[in-house]
Amino acid sequence: MTQVTRTKTLDQLLPGQSAQVRKVSGDGALRRRLMDMGLTAGTTVTVLKASPLGDPVEYRVRGYLLTLRKSEARLIEVSD
């Protein structure tokens, strides 16, 4: 039996959901900055809350709180 892994981007998760980072896209400097903040393959990310207008969103990554714009979160591919 084959297990199907659903892949989506970080901006598609709802508050309370967690997922593992699979891939970080983007141009050189932005990609490097996201990875320097701890968003590397295999890292678990939990969505905590969104601002009143929905952007930015607060995440828990490696024990600290990280706030990203949805445009940045869209560059991070995750799976359940």
Protein backbone atom coordinates (compact mmCIF):
# COMPACT_ATOMS: atom_id res chain seq x y z
CA MET A 1 0.00 0.00 0.00
CA THR A 2 1.36 3.42 -0.94
CA GLN A 3 1.09 6.31 1.49
CA VAL A 4 0.22 9.63 -0.11
CA THR A 5 1.78 12.72 1.43
CA ARG A 6 -0.21 15.91 0.97
CA THR A 7 2.00 18.86 0.15
CA LYS A 8 0.99 22.49 0.55
CA THR A 9 2.54 25.80 1.48
CA LEU A 10 2.83 27.31 4.95
CA ASP A 11 0.34 30.10 4.18
CA GLN A 12 -2.43 27.50 3.69
CA LEU A 13 -2.33 26.23 7.29
CA LEU A 14 -4.89 27.40 9.84
CA PRO A 15 -4.22 28.42 13.46
CA GLY A 16 -3.52 25.35 15.56
CA GLN A 17 -2.24 23.24 12.65
CA SER A 18 1.30 21.90 12.46
CA ALA A 19 3.34 20.63 9.55
CA GLN A 20 6.90 19.78 8.60
CA VAL A 21 8.96 21.91 6.26
CA ARG A 22 9.81 20.06 3.04
CA LYS A 23 11.35 22.77 0.86
CA VAL A 24 12.14 26.49 0.99
CA SER A 25 11.85 28.33 -2.34
CA GLY A 26 12.60 31.92 -3.27
CA ASP A 27 15.49 33.99 -4.50
CA GLY A 28 18.94 33.74 -2.95
CA ALA A 29 18.87 36.31 -0.13
CA LEU A 30 15.25 35.71 0.87
CA ARG A 31 15.66 31.92 0.81
CA ARG A 32 18.84 32.19 2.89
CA ARG A 33 17.11 34.47 5.43
CA LEU A 34 14.19 32.04 5.84
CA MET A 35 16.59 29.14 6.34
CA ASP A 36 18.66 31.17 8.83
CA MET A 37 15.47 31.67 10.86
CA GLY A 38 15.23 27.90 11.29
CA LEU A 39 12.94 26.98 8.41
CA THR A 40 14.88 23.99 7.13
CA ALA A 41 13.71 20.62 5.83
CA GLY A 42 12.23 18.43 8.58
CA THR A 43 11.48 21.28 10.99
CA THR A 44 8.01 21.28 12.56
CA VAL A 45 6.11 24.56 12.30
CA THR A 46 2.90 25.36 14.21
CA VAL A 47 0.55 28.19 13.27
CA LEU A 48 -0.34 30.21 16.36
CA LYS A 49 -2.38 33.19 15.21
CA ALA A 50 -2.93 35.71 12.46
CA SER A 51 -3.19 39.46 12.83
CA PRO A 52 -6.71 40.96 12.70
CA LEU A 53 -6.42 41.59 8.94
CA GLY A 54 -4.90 38.14 8.32
CA ASP A 55 -1.36 39.22 7.50
CA PRO A 56 1.23 38.67 9.04
CA VAL A 57 0.91 35.28 10.78
CA GLU A 58 2.73 34.07 13.89
CA TYR A 59 4.36 30.62 13.91
CA ARG A 60 6.24 28.53 16.48
CA VAL A 61 9.50 27.23 15.01
CA ARG A 62 12.20 25.45 17.03
CA GLY A 63 10.85 26.83 20.32
CA TYR A 64 10.60 30.50 19.34
CA LEU A 65 7.94 32.70 17.77
CA LEU A 66 8.37 33.76 14.16
CA THR A 67 6.13 36.21 12.30
CA LEU A 68 5.98 36.02 8.51
CA ARG A 69 4.01 37.72 5.80
CA LYS A 70 1.80 35.41 3.76
CA SER A 71 3.91 36.17 0.68
CA GLU A 72 6.94 34.78 2.55
CA ALA A 73 5.04 31.80 3.97
CA ARG A 74 3.92 30.92 0.42
CA LEU A 75 7.56 30.11 -0.39
CA ILE A 76 7.73 27.34 2.23
CA GLU A 77 6.45 23.94 1.14
CA VAL A 78 5.15 21.78 4.01
CA SER A 79 3.45 18.41 4.52
CA ASP A 80 1.35 16.98 7.33
